């Protein structure tokens, strides 16, 4: 009976893990990068100078309010984010359907930085959150994949519970390839199991309404698609009245922020949202594990206090904790790096699982078209995604800073490289030269990754003395990725010869 149970759990772990793992590996990789989404945005906007986060001056807040009104006059739902430790500038943002983008202002004098247009770290957050398929379809797919991952983790524990400790202490990274991949899978699975369960459970629970939404699925998806403009203009007498998000120029924001901090007993405020007649100021939530949405509402006309919303109670605090644990917005650098390293380990866990799935079936199914398709897609995921990420960063440095529609050009480079990687992997797999495909793409990844810091230096996009930590850190991580790809490629070349 026990053996039959383990066989069924092994089948569930293998097939659900592989099919969902092809996408979940990408979700975890981009989610790991999203831990430092603000820092990635700063790397991709080197024109923005960063200092310690000062309290925004009255002049800067006035300039931000004027910029916000100008954005609203374009029929954009614009809002203001205030300086924080991780992002010490004022941003006037709007949501373009995928990312929050907009002008960047100096918190001292309010001048607008000539920052290049880029999706920045928000691109990775959107991919992790919704696979760039919108808040209905994309979030539903990611949530369902989260359920699949919980099933895979549970079945993996069931089949490996007895062997976990012996296999953990016998880690052999330079052993035979199947054994080395299995050891990597088990070690990361055991050491980072609490993090994996926590991050998967919280991500699934906070988006559980996407699986069984309170609104019909298809009408909601259709509502998310903009209605095209009519082919012929309406008659003059039937022209609808234009709608606008613009309200009056708000009163000075400094006193309102101070009043909101006093009411909420908050050290700082983070977000200011404007409607036509109200101003909502939100508490900063990067100082604790709880992601709060406490706010104070003022009149947009004269700034008088209207109401406050300070949520309390065990149920509310539980929800805030679940959100806080998953979104990891707290400002501790140590915790952020622990999240990043844990996310990378979980990505390795899933990637090694994909490799084990292929290795176990290569002898019996290596000539089947389904197996070849699976291997080609695996090449596209494990090598193509890092290659596309490095290509996105190359495009950020090489495309002209003031190029029209520059942000979409960067994103197109990302998806073009990823698509070419997947197509190359499929062609090699169908021609029974998958090993050549692995070697070629890993060599290309090493070249692109190790070349990025050189491009960063040659483009003279920023200085290397003042506030260069963000550049050194990201370039160092890219170099590390390139070295890993180079080592694996050289090992595959030696094995082939």
Foldseek 3Di string as FASTA:
>chain_A
DLVVLLVVLVVLLQPLLLVLLLLVLLLLVLLLLLLLQLLQQCVLFVLDADDAQDQFDLQQQLLLLVQLLVVLQVVFQWWWWDADRSRRWIFTWGDPQQATDGWTAHSYNNDTGLTFDARTSSNSVSCNQFVSLGPQNRNLVNLVSLVSVVSSLVSVCSNCVVPLVVLQVVADCPDPVLSNLVSLLSNLCVVLVVVSCLQSVLSNVLSVCSNVPPDDRVVVSVVSDDDDDDPDDDDPVPDDDDDTQRADRFDRCVVVQVVWCVVQVAPGWTIWGDGRFKIKIFGDDQADLFQDGWIWMATRPHGHGDGTDDDDDDVNRVNRNSVSSNSVSHDDPVVSVVSSVSSVSVSSNSLSSLVSSLVVCCVPCLQPLVSLLSQLSSQLRPQQQLQLVLQLLLLSLPPDRHDPPSHVVSVVSSVVSSVVLSVLCSVCSNVVNNLVSLLVSLLVLLCSLLCSVVSVVVSPSHDCPRPNPSVVVVNVVSNVSSVVSVVVSVVSVVVVD
